[in-house]
N, C-alpha and C. Protein backbone atom coordinates (compact mmCIF):
# COMPACT_ATOMS: atom_id res chain seq x y z
N MET A 1 144.96 1.47 -138.67
CA MET A 1 143.59 1.59 -138.60
C MET A 1 143.09 1.42 -137.35
N ARG A 2 142.16 2.18 -136.79
CA ARG A 2 141.66 2.31 -135.51
C ARG A 2 140.53 1.30 -135.27
N THR A 3 140.52 0.53 -134.20
CA THR A 3 139.44 -0.48 -133.91
C THR A 3 138.51 0.10 -132.83
N LEU A 4 137.43 0.12 -133.12
CA LEU A 4 136.26 0.62 -132.17
C LEU A 4 135.78 -0.53 -131.26
N THR A 5 135.71 -0.18 -130.00
CA THR A 5 135.05 -1.26 -129.13
C THR A 5 133.82 -0.68 -128.53
N HIS A 6 133.05 -1.68 -128.24
CA HIS A 6 131.63 -1.22 -127.70
C HIS A 6 131.80 -1.20 -126.25
N VAL A 7 131.40 -0.02 -125.65
CA VAL A 7 131.44 0.02 -124.11
C VAL A 7 129.94 0.45 -123.80
N PRO A 8 129.40 -0.55 -122.79
CA PRO A 8 128.13 -0.52 -122.63
C PRO A 8 127.87 0.79 -121.70
N ALA A 9 126.63 1.49 -121.83
CA ALA A 9 126.40 2.54 -121.03
C ALA A 9 126.21 2.33 -119.61
N ARG A 10 126.61 3.08 -118.69
CA ARG A 10 126.36 2.80 -117.39
C ARG A 10 125.15 2.97 -116.73
N ARG A 11 124.26 3.77 -117.47
CA ARG A 11 122.98 3.98 -116.96
C ARG A 11 121.96 2.78 -117.44
N ARG A 12 121.07 2.43 -116.54
CA ARG A 12 120.07 1.42 -117.08
C ARG A 12 118.93 1.99 -117.83
N ALA A 13 118.71 3.21 -117.67
CA ALA A 13 117.67 4.08 -118.33
C ALA A 13 118.22 5.29 -118.80
N THR A 14 117.94 5.49 -120.04
CA THR A 14 118.40 6.73 -120.78
C THR A 14 117.66 8.14 -120.22
N ARG A 15 118.50 9.03 -119.79
CA ARG A 15 118.04 10.24 -119.32
C ARG A 15 117.47 11.06 -120.63
N ILE A 16 116.26 11.72 -120.22
CA ILE A 16 115.57 12.55 -121.32
C ILE A 16 115.87 14.04 -120.93
N PRO A 17 116.52 14.75 -121.74
CA PRO A 17 116.69 16.15 -121.57
C PRO A 17 115.44 16.85 -121.29
N ILE A 18 115.07 17.70 -120.47
CA ILE A 18 113.83 18.36 -120.15
C ILE A 18 113.80 19.61 -121.14
N GLY A 19 112.90 19.72 -121.92
CA GLY A 19 112.53 20.87 -122.95
C GLY A 19 111.78 21.88 -122.23
N CYS A 20 111.26 21.65 -121.14
CA CYS A 20 110.31 22.65 -120.46
C CYS A 20 110.78 22.97 -119.12
N ASP A 21 110.05 23.77 -118.51
CA ASP A 21 110.48 24.06 -117.02
C ASP A 21 109.89 22.94 -116.16
N LEU A 22 110.59 22.29 -115.65
CA LEU A 22 110.33 20.98 -114.73
C LEU A 22 111.02 21.47 -113.26
N TRP A 23 110.23 21.63 -112.23
CA TRP A 23 110.77 22.04 -110.86
C TRP A 23 110.42 21.07 -109.79
N VAL A 24 111.23 20.94 -108.92
CA VAL A 24 111.12 19.93 -107.75
C VAL A 24 111.50 20.57 -106.55
N TYR A 25 110.64 20.41 -105.61
CA TYR A 25 111.08 20.83 -104.11
C TYR A 25 111.83 19.72 -103.54
N TRP A 26 112.86 19.85 -102.90
CA TRP A 26 113.57 18.66 -102.37
C TRP A 26 114.14 19.17 -100.80
N GLU A 27 114.20 18.06 -100.02
CA GLU A 27 114.81 18.22 -98.76
C GLU A 27 115.75 17.21 -98.56
N GLY A 28 117.00 17.63 -97.95
CA GLY A 28 117.96 16.84 -97.59
C GLY A 28 118.43 17.26 -96.19
N HIS A 29 119.75 16.91 -95.92
CA HIS A 29 120.44 17.41 -94.61
C HIS A 29 121.68 18.03 -95.25
N PRO A 30 121.94 19.23 -95.06
CA PRO A 30 121.20 20.09 -94.10
C PRO A 30 120.37 21.09 -95.04
N HIS A 31 120.22 20.94 -96.24
CA HIS A 31 119.63 21.80 -97.24
C HIS A 31 118.13 21.49 -97.69
N ARG A 32 117.44 22.45 -98.17
CA ARG A 32 116.15 22.20 -98.77
C ARG A 32 116.08 23.34 -99.70
N ASP A 33 115.31 22.91 -100.90
CA ASP A 33 115.20 24.15 -102.14
C ASP A 33 114.20 23.69 -103.08
N ILE A 34 114.10 24.63 -103.88
CA ILE A 34 113.29 24.37 -105.17
C ILE A 34 114.29 24.46 -106.21
N SER A 35 114.39 23.41 -107.12
CA SER A 35 115.31 23.41 -108.02
C SER A 35 114.79 22.97 -109.52
N ARG A 36 115.48 23.37 -110.51
CA ARG A 36 115.05 23.02 -111.86
C ARG A 36 115.69 21.51 -112.18
N VAL A 37 114.93 20.79 -112.94
CA VAL A 37 115.38 19.33 -113.27
C VAL A 37 116.06 19.46 -114.74
N ARG A 38 117.18 19.11 -114.91
CA ARG A 38 117.83 19.22 -116.37
C ARG A 38 117.57 18.13 -117.09
N ASP A 39 117.57 16.87 -116.63
CA ASP A 39 117.29 15.57 -117.31
C ASP A 39 116.57 14.57 -116.25
N LEU A 40 115.85 13.63 -117.00
CA LEU A 40 115.02 12.65 -115.97
C LEU A 40 115.04 11.29 -116.74
N SER A 41 114.91 10.28 -115.95
CA SER A 41 114.70 9.04 -116.28
C SER A 41 114.04 8.31 -115.41
N SER A 42 113.58 7.00 -115.53
CA SER A 42 112.98 6.18 -114.54
C SER A 42 113.91 5.73 -113.38
N ALA A 43 115.25 6.00 -113.71
CA ALA A 43 116.30 5.57 -112.67
C ALA A 43 116.85 6.80 -111.98
N GLY A 44 116.81 7.94 -112.47
CA GLY A 44 117.63 9.18 -112.07
C GLY A 44 117.24 10.54 -112.65
N LEU A 45 118.03 11.53 -112.06
CA LEU A 45 117.72 12.72 -112.60
C LEU A 45 118.95 13.67 -112.31
N PHE A 46 119.00 14.79 -113.04
CA PHE A 46 120.07 15.91 -112.75
C PHE A 46 119.27 17.00 -112.19
N LEU A 47 119.57 17.58 -110.96
CA LEU A 47 119.07 18.69 -110.29
C LEU A 47 119.93 19.84 -110.32
N GLU A 48 119.54 21.06 -110.91
CA GLU A 48 120.22 22.17 -110.85
C GLU A 48 120.14 22.93 -109.50
N THR A 49 121.23 23.04 -108.77
CA THR A 49 121.25 23.66 -107.55
C THR A 49 122.53 24.31 -107.08
N ARG A 50 122.56 25.26 -106.37
CA ARG A 50 123.86 25.85 -105.76
C ARG A 50 124.37 25.14 -104.63
N PHE A 51 123.53 24.41 -103.91
CA PHE A 51 123.93 23.60 -102.95
C PHE A 51 124.65 22.43 -103.12
N ARG A 52 125.55 22.11 -102.12
CA ARG A 52 126.38 20.80 -102.30
C ARG A 52 125.97 19.92 -101.20
N GLU A 53 125.60 18.69 -101.64
CA GLU A 53 125.10 17.66 -100.66
C GLU A 53 126.25 16.49 -100.76
N ALA A 54 126.58 15.66 -99.86
CA ALA A 54 127.54 14.67 -99.85
C ALA A 54 126.87 13.50 -100.50
N LYS A 55 127.87 12.79 -101.48
CA LYS A 55 127.66 11.55 -101.99
C LYS A 55 127.05 10.50 -100.97
N GLY A 56 125.81 9.97 -101.46
CA GLY A 56 125.35 9.06 -100.58
C GLY A 56 124.29 9.64 -99.73
N ASN A 57 124.05 11.06 -99.82
CA ASN A 57 122.99 11.45 -98.87
C ASN A 57 121.59 11.13 -99.61
N ARG A 58 120.66 10.95 -98.59
CA ARG A 58 119.20 10.88 -99.13
C ARG A 58 118.44 11.89 -99.33
N LEU A 59 117.73 12.36 -100.34
CA LEU A 59 116.90 13.46 -100.44
C LEU A 59 115.64 12.96 -100.93
N PHE A 60 114.63 13.89 -100.34
CA PHE A 60 113.14 13.58 -100.68
C PHE A 60 112.71 14.65 -101.49
N LEU A 61 112.19 14.13 -102.74
CA LEU A 61 111.72 15.11 -103.94
C LEU A 61 110.27 15.01 -103.74
N HIS A 62 109.61 16.29 -104.14
CA HIS A 62 108.34 16.51 -104.40
C HIS A 62 108.14 17.36 -105.63
N PHE A 63 107.54 16.66 -106.75
CA PHE A 63 107.59 17.26 -108.08
C PHE A 63 106.39 18.19 -108.17
N LEU A 64 106.62 19.37 -108.77
CA LEU A 64 105.56 20.36 -109.01
C LEU A 64 105.09 20.38 -110.26
N VAL A 65 104.22 19.33 -110.70
CA VAL A 65 103.85 19.06 -112.21
C VAL A 65 102.25 18.85 -112.50
N GLN A 66 101.93 19.22 -113.53
CA GLN A 66 100.62 18.89 -114.03
C GLN A 66 99.92 17.71 -113.84
N GLU A 67 100.71 16.67 -113.67
CA GLU A 67 100.25 15.25 -113.60
C GLU A 67 99.71 15.00 -112.20
N GLY A 68 100.19 15.84 -111.20
CA GLY A 68 99.88 15.61 -109.69
C GLY A 68 101.04 15.43 -108.86
N GLN A 69 100.76 14.96 -107.69
CA GLN A 69 101.59 14.91 -106.81
C GLN A 69 102.55 13.73 -107.02
N ILE A 70 103.87 13.90 -106.89
CA ILE A 70 104.76 12.85 -107.13
C ILE A 70 105.89 13.01 -105.99
N ARG A 71 106.04 12.00 -105.12
CA ARG A 71 106.94 11.89 -104.13
C ARG A 71 107.93 10.91 -104.41
N ILE A 72 109.19 11.23 -104.42
CA ILE A 72 110.28 10.25 -104.60
C ILE A 72 111.50 10.40 -103.63
N GLU A 73 112.03 9.30 -103.34
CA GLU A 73 113.23 9.30 -102.46
C GLU A 73 114.50 8.85 -103.39
N ALA A 74 115.60 9.72 -103.28
CA ALA A 74 116.81 9.53 -104.23
C ALA A 74 117.98 9.66 -103.37
N LEU A 75 118.99 9.12 -103.94
CA LEU A 75 120.43 9.25 -103.21
C LEU A 75 121.49 10.00 -104.14
N VAL A 76 122.08 10.81 -103.66
CA VAL A 76 123.13 11.75 -104.40
C VAL A 76 124.22 10.80 -104.72
N ARG A 77 124.47 10.77 -106.13
CA ARG A 77 125.47 9.92 -106.78
C ARG A 77 126.53 10.67 -107.21
N HIS A 78 126.33 11.99 -107.78
CA HIS A 78 127.38 12.84 -108.19
C HIS A 78 127.11 14.34 -107.80
N VAL A 79 128.13 14.97 -107.40
CA VAL A 79 128.18 16.51 -107.19
C VAL A 79 129.11 17.13 -108.03
N PHE A 80 128.25 18.28 -108.68
CA PHE A 80 129.05 18.99 -109.70
C PHE A 80 128.99 20.53 -108.98
N ALA A 81 130.02 21.00 -108.51
CA ALA A 81 130.10 22.25 -107.80
C ALA A 81 129.58 23.40 -108.56
N GLY A 82 128.62 24.32 -108.34
CA GLY A 82 128.12 25.29 -108.93
C GLY A 82 127.15 24.95 -109.93
N GLN A 83 126.90 23.75 -110.15
CA GLN A 83 125.96 23.07 -111.30
C GLN A 83 124.91 22.27 -110.73
N GLY A 84 125.14 21.30 -109.85
CA GLY A 84 123.88 20.56 -109.37
C GLY A 84 124.50 19.20 -108.89
N LEU A 85 123.45 18.45 -108.84
CA LEU A 85 123.52 17.14 -108.16
C LEU A 85 123.00 15.95 -109.19
N GLY A 86 123.70 14.95 -109.32
CA GLY A 86 123.24 13.73 -110.06
C GLY A 86 122.55 12.73 -109.07
N LEU A 87 121.39 12.43 -109.41
CA LEU A 87 120.74 11.60 -108.18
C LEU A 87 120.10 10.18 -108.80
N LYS A 88 120.20 9.23 -108.00
CA LYS A 88 119.65 7.92 -108.27
C LYS A 88 118.51 7.75 -107.55
N LEU A 89 117.29 7.43 -108.36
CA LEU A 89 116.07 7.33 -107.64
C LEU A 89 116.02 6.03 -106.92
N GLN A 90 115.61 6.14 -105.80
CA GLN A 90 115.54 4.68 -104.66
C GLN A 90 113.96 4.18 -104.82
N SER A 91 112.97 5.18 -104.45
CA SER A 91 111.63 4.57 -104.40
C SER A 91 110.72 5.86 -104.79
N VAL A 92 109.62 5.41 -105.52
CA VAL A 92 108.36 6.43 -105.77
C VAL A 92 107.34 5.95 -104.69
N VAL A 93 106.66 6.90 -104.09
CA VAL A 93 105.47 6.60 -103.21
C VAL A 93 104.46 5.89 -104.29
N THR A 94 103.97 4.60 -103.71
CA THR A 94 103.26 3.85 -104.37
C THR A 94 101.93 4.54 -105.19
N GLN A 95 101.25 5.46 -104.31
CA GLN A 95 100.10 6.00 -105.11
C GLN A 95 100.54 6.94 -106.08
N ASP A 96 101.86 7.30 -106.17
CA ASP A 96 102.17 8.37 -107.21
C ASP A 96 102.93 7.76 -108.40
N ILE A 97 102.86 6.52 -108.47
CA ILE A 97 103.61 5.93 -109.53
C ILE A 97 102.82 6.17 -110.94
N PRO A 98 101.51 6.10 -110.91
CA PRO A 98 100.79 6.43 -112.24
C PRO A 98 101.26 7.92 -112.62
N GLN A 99 101.09 8.85 -111.86
CA GLN A 99 101.66 10.33 -112.13
C GLN A 99 103.01 10.32 -112.77
N PHE A 100 103.99 9.58 -111.98
CA PHE A 100 105.29 9.59 -112.57
C PHE A 100 105.40 8.95 -113.90
N ASP A 101 104.76 7.86 -114.20
CA ASP A 101 104.57 7.41 -115.55
C ASP A 101 104.16 8.23 -116.59
N ALA A 102 103.14 9.08 -116.11
CA ALA A 102 102.44 10.04 -117.09
C ALA A 102 103.62 11.10 -117.24
N LEU A 103 104.08 11.56 -116.19
CA LEU A 103 105.33 12.46 -116.65
C LEU A 103 106.48 12.11 -117.50
N LEU A 104 106.79 10.99 -117.26
CA LEU A 104 107.79 10.42 -118.21
C LEU A 104 107.29 10.25 -119.63
N THR A 105 105.99 9.94 -119.73
CA THR A 105 105.54 9.82 -121.03
C THR A 105 105.37 11.12 -121.65
N ARG A 106 105.04 12.27 -120.86
CA ARG A 106 104.81 13.63 -121.45
C ARG A 106 106.34 14.13 -121.79
N ILE A 107 107.37 13.96 -121.19
CA ILE A 107 108.68 14.50 -121.43
C ILE A 107 109.38 13.78 -122.62
N ARG A 108 109.02 12.49 -122.75
CA ARG A 108 109.58 11.76 -123.92
C ARG A 108 108.72 12.23 -125.17
N ASP A 109 107.49 12.31 -125.16
CA ASP A 109 106.80 12.99 -126.25
C ASP A 109 105.73 13.94 -125.96
N PRO A 110 105.98 15.10 -125.94
CA PRO A 110 105.20 16.36 -125.54
C PRO A 110 103.81 16.20 -126.10
N LEU A 111 103.63 15.46 -127.39
CA LEU A 111 102.19 15.56 -128.07
C LEU A 111 101.44 14.32 -127.45
N SER A 112 101.97 13.37 -126.62
CA SER A 112 101.41 12.17 -126.30
C SER A 112 100.31 12.19 -125.47
N ILE A 113 100.34 13.52 -124.55
CA ILE A 113 99.32 13.70 -123.62
C ILE A 113 98.68 14.90 -123.86
N ALA A 114 97.26 14.89 -124.15
CA ALA A 114 96.48 15.98 -124.54
C ALA A 114 96.32 16.64 -123.15
N PRO A 115 96.22 18.07 -123.05
CA PRO A 115 95.64 18.71 -121.78
C PRO A 115 94.34 18.46 -121.65
N ALA A 116 94.15 18.34 -120.14
CA ALA A 116 92.81 18.24 -119.73
C ALA A 116 91.74 19.27 -119.93
N ASN A 117 90.51 19.15 -120.29
CA ASN A 117 89.70 20.08 -120.62
C ASN A 117 88.84 20.52 -119.34
C-alpha cells in the first residue's frame, strides 16, 4: 500500500489563471515588450513572451487595466524558452496598491466588481 505524504506548496500565494485578456507593458535589460499575463497572484505572475531574460533580472511592469495605473517591480525567477517568464513581485508603487487589490479581486471573482456607469 502506498503512503501519501504532504508536500507544502512553494508559493505563498496561489496563482489565479487569467480568464480574460490581461496585458502588461514591461521593461527590462535589454528588452521591453507588451505581453499577456497567463496567471497572477499577490506575489507573482507568469508573462507570455518570446524574449529571454536572465534569472534575477529586474523588470518594471505597467499594467494596462480598467482599474487604473498599476506599476510593479518584479524579479525573473523562471525562464521558459519560447513560452515566457515566471516573475516574483518585489514592490507595488504605494499609490497603485488599491488598483492592484481591485484587479486581484476582479480576476478572482469576475462578478465581484460591477462596471462603472
